Amino acid sequence: MSDTAYPAFGHLLRFWRKVRGMSQEALALNLQSSTRHISFLENGKARPSEALVEAIAQSLQLGERDSSYLRLAAGYLARSQAVDFEAPEFNWLRKATLFSLKAMDPYPAVLMDRYGRLLMVNRSWVAFYKEVVSAEELVEVKNHFEFLFRRPSEGAAQESWRHKLAMILMYAQQEALLTDDPIYHGMVRELAAHPGVPDDWAQIASQLKPMASYRVQQRYKGKLLSLFNVSLNVGAVGPASYVSEPRLAINTLYPEDEALDLGDALDSDLSHPLLFY
């Protein structure tokens, strides 16, 4: 190991060993290893195998978030298990995100999982898009990314739309290659075959900076609006938020024109299978 390399794994290992009140000798005994090897790991003089990282995480009784940090520090991809957002143990999270979506009114907002699958929408999202697509089409919208792949509004900038498609595809492609997740692989195949996707989408995306916010254009009530599309992560704090489940995001549209009122339609009768208030 280079003298200038930061032994992040060793620091995390020492931290958690002390949190658990475990000596190097006790940890070595649990792992059927040697105290000398544990010392080398903590001092950055040795790199653990993937199996050893897993064994250490189990011995130190680390949950998914903290195991993810340990794996990342050792140079291994974090592992996460898909969770059921509707499970009883996530009742608190559903309630908290519902409060967040309600607070976004009068701006259109959705809650989605890492695959872009919609979990919740707010009243403004229903009110806004019922002016864009039919009520029947809106009910059938299941995936935020697929919805964004619709043809842009008449008069909207084609280049910015193609850039948006390229960035979404780049996200799905790199997740697919990193995790070998069949869902991501399927997303890439389906989205790349969508009409309007440029053949050189990867080259386009490679020249663009990934942003949590970007401009979009959408025709609404006969006017072409310029909007900010903003995504906020919902999950663990820190780097582990990108690898620990549940990986959720709230996506919101804000009008670039601050004087524009999008709340005039909220008093109408609004309904959608994913609208829960």
Protein backbone atom coordinates (compact mmCIF):
# COMPACT_ATOMS: atom_id res chain seq x y z
CA MET A 1 0.00 0.00 0.00
CA SER A 2 1.25 3.48 -0.84
CA ASP A 3 2.56 5.53 2.07
CA THR A 4 0.21 8.32 1.00
CA ALA A 5 -2.91 6.13 0.74
CA TYR A 6 -5.53 6.82 3.38
CA PRO A 7 -6.35 3.54 5.16
CA ALA A 8 -10.09 4.23 5.39
CA PHE A 9 -10.93 0.57 5.99
CA GLY A 10 -8.50 0.38 8.90
CA HIS A 11 -9.93 3.49 10.52
CA LEU A 12 -13.49 2.21 10.18
CA LEU A 13 -12.50 -1.21 11.49
CA ARG A 14 -10.82 0.30 14.57
CA PHE A 15 -13.77 2.64 15.13
CA TRP A 16 -16.37 -0.13 15.08
CA ARG A 17 -14.23 -2.51 17.10
CA LYS A 18 -14.02 0.08 19.85
CA VAL A 19 -17.73 0.90 19.58
CA ARG A 20 -18.46 -2.79 20.22
CA GLY A 21 -15.90 -2.90 23.04
CA MET A 22 -13.98 -5.69 21.31
CA SER A 23 -10.22 -6.16 21.50
CA GLN A 24 -8.08 -7.10 18.51
CA GLU A 25 -7.57 -10.49 20.14
CA ALA A 26 -11.31 -11.10 20.53
CA LEU A 27 -12.04 -10.06 16.95
CA ALA A 28 -9.24 -12.24 15.66
CA LEU A 29 -10.62 -15.18 17.60
CA ASN A 30 -14.12 -14.62 16.15
CA LEU A 31 -12.66 -14.51 12.66
CA GLN A 32 -10.27 -17.42 13.18
CA SER A 33 -7.50 -15.03 12.24
CA SER A 34 -4.48 -13.60 14.04
CA THR A 35 -4.12 -10.47 16.13
CA ARG A 36 -1.21 -9.52 13.88
CA HIS A 37 -3.44 -9.60 10.79
CA ILE A 38 -6.11 -7.47 12.51
CA SER A 39 -3.38 -4.98 13.41
CA PHE A 40 -2.17 -4.93 9.80
CA LEU A 41 -5.73 -4.29 8.59
CA GLU A 42 -6.18 -1.38 11.00
CA ASN A 43 -2.83 0.14 10.06
CA GLY A 44 -3.47 -0.13 6.34
CA LYS A 45 -0.68 -2.68 5.81
CA ALA A 46 -3.06 -5.36 4.51
CA ARG A 47 -6.18 -5.37 2.35
CA PRO A 48 -9.00 -7.70 3.38
CA SER A 49 -10.65 -10.17 1.05
CA GLU A 50 -14.33 -9.64 0.31
CA ALA A 51 -15.20 -12.69 2.42
CA LEU A 52 -13.25 -11.28 5.35
CA VAL A 53 -15.04 -7.93 5.10
CA GLU A 54 -18.36 -9.77 5.29
CA ALA A 55 -17.16 -11.80 8.27
CA ILE A 56 -15.97 -8.65 10.06
CA ALA A 57 -19.30 -6.91 9.45
CA GLN A 58 -21.15 -9.89 10.91
CA SER A 59 -18.81 -10.18 13.89
CA LEU A 60 -19.25 -6.46 14.64
CA GLN A 61 -23.02 -6.75 14.10
CA LEU A 62 -23.16 -4.00 11.47
CA GLY A 63 -26.37 -3.18 9.66
CA GLU A 64 -26.64 -2.61 5.92
CA ARG A 65 -25.66 1.07 6.02
CA ASP A 66 -22.51 0.53 8.10
CA SER A 67 -21.58 -2.67 6.27
CA SER A 68 -21.83 -0.65 3.06
CA TYR A 69 -19.30 1.88 4.36
CA LEU A 70 -16.96 -0.95 5.35
CA ARG A 71 -17.23 -2.65 1.94
CA LEU A 72 -16.71 0.63 0.07
CA ALA A 73 -13.66 1.46 2.17
CA ALA A 74 -12.17 -1.94 1.32
CA GLY A 75 -12.78 -1.36 -2.40
CA TYR A 76 -15.81 -3.62 -2.84
CA LEU A 77 -19.25 -2.79 -4.16
CA ALA A 78 -21.78 -2.38 -1.40
CA ARG A 79 -24.57 -4.94 -1.20
CA SER A 80 -28.15 -4.02 -0.54
CA GLN A 81 -31.35 -5.96 -0.37
CA ALA A 82 -34.47 -4.65 -2.07
CA VAL A 83 -37.07 -3.58 0.48
CA ASP A 84 -40.84 -3.48 0.33
CA PHE A 85 -41.86 0.15 0.73
CA GLU A 86 -45.34 -1.03 1.71
CA ALA A 87 -44.05 -3.23 4.54
CA PRO A 88 -45.29 -2.34 8.06
CA GLU A 89 -41.80 -1.39 9.27
CA PHE A 90 -41.75 1.46 6.74
CA ASN A 91 -45.01 3.01 7.87
CA TRP A 92 -43.04 5.90 9.41
CA LEU A 93 -41.20 6.50 6.12
CA ARG A 94 -44.41 6.50 4.09
CA LYS A 95 -45.91 9.02 6.50
CA ALA A 96 -42.82 11.24 6.43
CA THR A 97 -42.58 11.26 2.64
CA LEU A 98 -46.31 11.95 2.37
CA PHE A 99 -45.80 15.05 4.53
CA SER A 100 -42.97 16.06 2.19
CA LEU A 101 -45.08 15.64 -0.93
CA LYS A 102 -47.93 17.64 0.59
CA ALA A 103 -45.48 20.39 1.51
CA MET A 104 -44.39 20.58 -2.16
CA ASP A 105 -47.87 21.74 -3.26
CA PRO A 106 -48.47 23.75 -5.43
CA TYR A 107 -45.47 22.29 -7.26
CA PRO A 108 -45.75 18.89 -8.98
CA ALA A 109 -43.83 16.21 -7.07
CA VAL A 110 -43.46 12.42 -7.02
CA LEU A 111 -41.75 9.86 -4.84
CA MET A 112 -39.93 7.14 -6.78
CA ASP A 113 -37.58 4.22 -6.13
CA ARG A 114 -34.12 3.82 -7.68
CA TYR A 115 -35.63 2.33 -10.84
CA GLY A 116 -37.89 5.35 -11.31
CA ARG A 117 -41.01 3.43 -10.28
CA LEU A 118 -43.62 5.77 -8.83
CA LEU A 119 -44.60 5.19 -5.21
CA MET A 120 -46.54 8.39 -4.40
CA VAL A 121 -47.62 11.59 -6.14
CA ASN A 122 -48.92 14.88 -4.81
CA ARG A 123 -52.06 16.77 -5.81
CA SER A 124 -50.11 19.28 -7.86
CA TRP A 125 -48.58 16.52 -9.98
CA VAL A 126 -52.04 15.21 -10.84
CA ALA A 127 -53.39 18.74 -11.46
CA PHE A 128 -50.42 19.69 -13.64
CA TYR A 129 -50.25 16.60 -15.83
CA LYS A 130 -53.98 16.20 -16.34
CA GLU A 131 -53.56 19.32 -18.48
CA VAL A 132 -50.84 17.53 -20.45
CA VAL A 133 -52.13 13.96 -20.96
CA SER A 134 -55.52 12.34 -20.66
CA ALA A 135 -56.80 11.09 -17.31
CA GLU A 136 -56.58 7.52 -18.63
CA GLU A 137 -52.93 7.97 -19.62
CA LEU A 138 -52.05 9.57 -16.30
CA VAL A 139 -53.43 6.64 -14.33
CA GLU A 140 -51.27 4.28 -16.39
CA VAL A 141 -48.03 6.13 -15.62
CA LYS A 142 -45.96 3.72 -13.53
CA ASN A 143 -42.39 4.89 -14.07
CA HIS A 144 -41.04 8.43 -13.81
CA PHE A 145 -38.18 7.86 -16.26
CA GLU A 146 -40.44 6.33 -18.90
CA PHE A 147 -42.82 9.27 -18.47
CA LEU A 148 -39.96 11.70 -19.10
CA PHE A 149 -39.20 9.88 -22.37
CA ARG A 150 -42.46 11.10 -23.91
CA ARG A 151 -42.06 13.36 -26.91
CA PRO A 152 -41.34 16.94 -25.83
CA SER A 153 -44.00 19.62 -26.06
CA GLU A 154 -44.40 21.42 -29.35
CA GLY A 155 -41.88 24.25 -29.47
CA ALA A 156 -39.70 22.80 -26.69
CA ALA A 157 -35.95 22.74 -27.21
CA GLN A 158 -35.08 19.40 -28.79
CA GLU A 159 -31.46 19.47 -27.69
CA SER A 160 -32.25 19.77 -23.98
CA TRP A 161 -34.75 16.92 -24.30
CA ARG A 162 -32.16 14.67 -25.95
CA HIS A 163 -29.67 15.60 -23.24
CA LYS A 164 -32.20 14.56 -20.60
CA LEU A 165 -32.73 11.18 -22.28
CA ALA A 166 -28.97 10.64 -22.57
CA MET A 167 -28.41 11.39 -18.87
CA ILE A 168 -31.17 9.02 -17.74
CA LEU A 169 -29.77 6.27 -19.96
CA MET A 170 -26.25 6.87 -18.69
CA TYR A 171 -27.50 6.51 -15.11
CA ALA A 172 -29.27 3.21 -15.91
CA GLN A 173 -26.35 1.88 -17.97
CA GLN A 174 -23.71 2.50 -15.32
CA GLU A 175 -25.93 1.06 -12.59
CA ALA A 176 -26.44 -2.02 -14.79
CA LEU A 177 -22.71 -2.47 -15.40
CA LEU A 178 -21.83 -1.83 -11.76
CA THR A 179 -24.42 -4.12 -10.18
CA ASP A 180 -25.38 -6.52 -13.01
CA ASP A 181 -28.96 -5.91 -11.87
CA PRO A 182 -31.32 -7.38 -14.50
CA ILE A 183 -33.85 -4.60 -13.86
CA TYR A 184 -31.31 -1.96 -14.86
CA HIS A 185 -30.28 -3.99 -17.90
CA GLY A 186 -33.94 -4.14 -18.91
CA MET A 187 -34.31 -0.39 -18.40
CA VAL A 188 -31.38 0.29 -20.73
CA ARG A 189 -32.78 -1.95 -23.47
CA GLU A 190 -36.26 -0.47 -23.27
CA LEU A 191 -35.27 3.17 -22.94
CA ALA A 192 -32.54 3.01 -25.60
CA ALA A 193 -35.11 1.64 -28.08
CA HIS A 194 -37.47 4.56 -27.42
CA PRO A 195 -38.19 6.81 -30.44
CA GLY A 196 -36.13 9.98 -30.35
CA VAL A 197 -33.19 8.60 -28.37
CA PRO A 198 -30.01 9.63 -30.22
CA ASP A 199 -27.73 6.77 -31.31
CA ASP A 200 -24.79 8.53 -29.68
CA TRP A 201 -26.52 9.01 -26.32
CA ALA A 202 -23.49 7.67 -24.42
CA GLN A 203 -21.17 10.18 -26.10
CA ILE A 204 -23.65 12.98 -25.39
CA ALA A 205 -24.01 12.03 -21.71
CA SER A 206 -20.24 11.72 -21.29
CA GLN A 207 -19.93 15.42 -22.09
CA LEU A 208 -22.64 16.50 -19.64
CA LYS A 209 -22.21 17.08 -15.93
CA PRO A 210 -24.64 15.02 -13.84
CA MET A 211 -26.92 17.41 -12.01
CA ALA A 212 -29.65 16.96 -9.42
CA SER A 213 -31.43 19.88 -11.09
CA TYR A 214 -31.88 20.85 -14.72
CA ARG A 215 -34.22 22.88 -16.91
CA VAL A 216 -37.12 21.32 -18.80
CA GLN A 217 -39.82 22.78 -21.01
CA GLN A 218 -43.46 21.71 -20.87
CA ARG A 219 -46.57 23.03 -22.55
CA TYR A 220 -49.24 23.78 -19.94
CA LYS A 221 -52.61 25.39 -20.65
CA GLY A 222 -51.43 26.57 -24.05
CA LYS A 223 -48.16 28.08 -22.82
CA LEU A 224 -44.64 26.67 -23.07
CA LEU A 225 -43.25 26.81 -19.55
CA SER A 226 -39.62 26.70 -18.48
CA LEU A 227 -39.27 24.63 -15.30
CA PHE A 228 -36.57 23.43 -12.95
CA ASN A 229 -36.59 19.65 -12.45
CA VAL A 230 -35.14 18.96 -8.98
CA SER A 231 -34.41 15.57 -7.37
CA LEU A 232 -33.81 15.03 -3.65
CA ASN A 233 -32.56 11.75 -2.21
CA VAL A 234 -34.51 10.12 0.61
CA GLY A 235 -32.48 7.65 2.65
CA ALA A 236 -29.33 7.28 4.70
CA VAL A 237 -27.07 10.31 5.18
CA GLY A 238 -23.72 10.35 3.39
CA PRO A 239 -22.23 8.18 0.63
CA ALA A 240 -24.15 5.15 1.87
CA SER A 241 -27.37 6.83 0.72
CA TYR A 242 -26.43 5.84 -2.83
CA VAL A 243 -26.07 2.16 -2.01
CA SER A 244 -28.32 1.45 0.97
CA GLU A 245 -31.98 0.62 0.63
CA PRO A 246 -34.49 2.07 0.54
CA ARG A 247 -33.03 4.27 -2.22
CA LEU A 248 -35.80 6.76 -2.87
CA ALA A 249 -36.00 10.19 -4.46
CA ILE A 250 -38.51 13.03 -4.53
CA ASN A 251 -38.66 14.73 -7.92
CA THR A 252 -40.25 18.18 -8.13
CA LEU A 253 -40.97 20.73 -10.85
CA TYR A 254 -40.58 24.42 -10.05
CA PRO A 255 -41.48 27.18 -12.52
CA GLU A 256 -38.55 29.36 -13.53
CA ASP A 257 -40.94 32.31 -13.47
CA GLU A 258 -41.52 32.85 -9.74
CA ALA A 259 -44.71 34.79 -10.46
CA LEU A 260 -46.33 31.80 -12.15
CA ASP A 261 -49.10 30.27 -10.01
CA LEU A 262 -49.51 26.52 -10.46
CA GLY A 263 -51.96 26.19 -7.59
CA ASP A 264 -55.08 27.39 -9.38
CA ALA A 265 -56.13 23.83 -10.24
CA LEU A 266 -55.73 22.32 -6.76
CA ASP A 267 -59.32 23.03 -5.78
CA SER A 268 -60.65 20.73 -8.50
CA ASP A 269 -61.57 17.08 -7.94
CA LEU A 270 -58.29 15.20 -8.19
CA SER A 271 -57.71 11.48 -8.00
CA HIS A 272 -54.94 9.01 -8.82
CA PRO A 273 -54.05 5.54 -7.51
CA LEU A 274 -50.85 6.96 -5.97
CA LEU A 275 -52.43 10.09 -4.48
CA PHE A 276 -52.97 9.40 -0.78
CA TYR A 277 -54.43 12.67 0.58
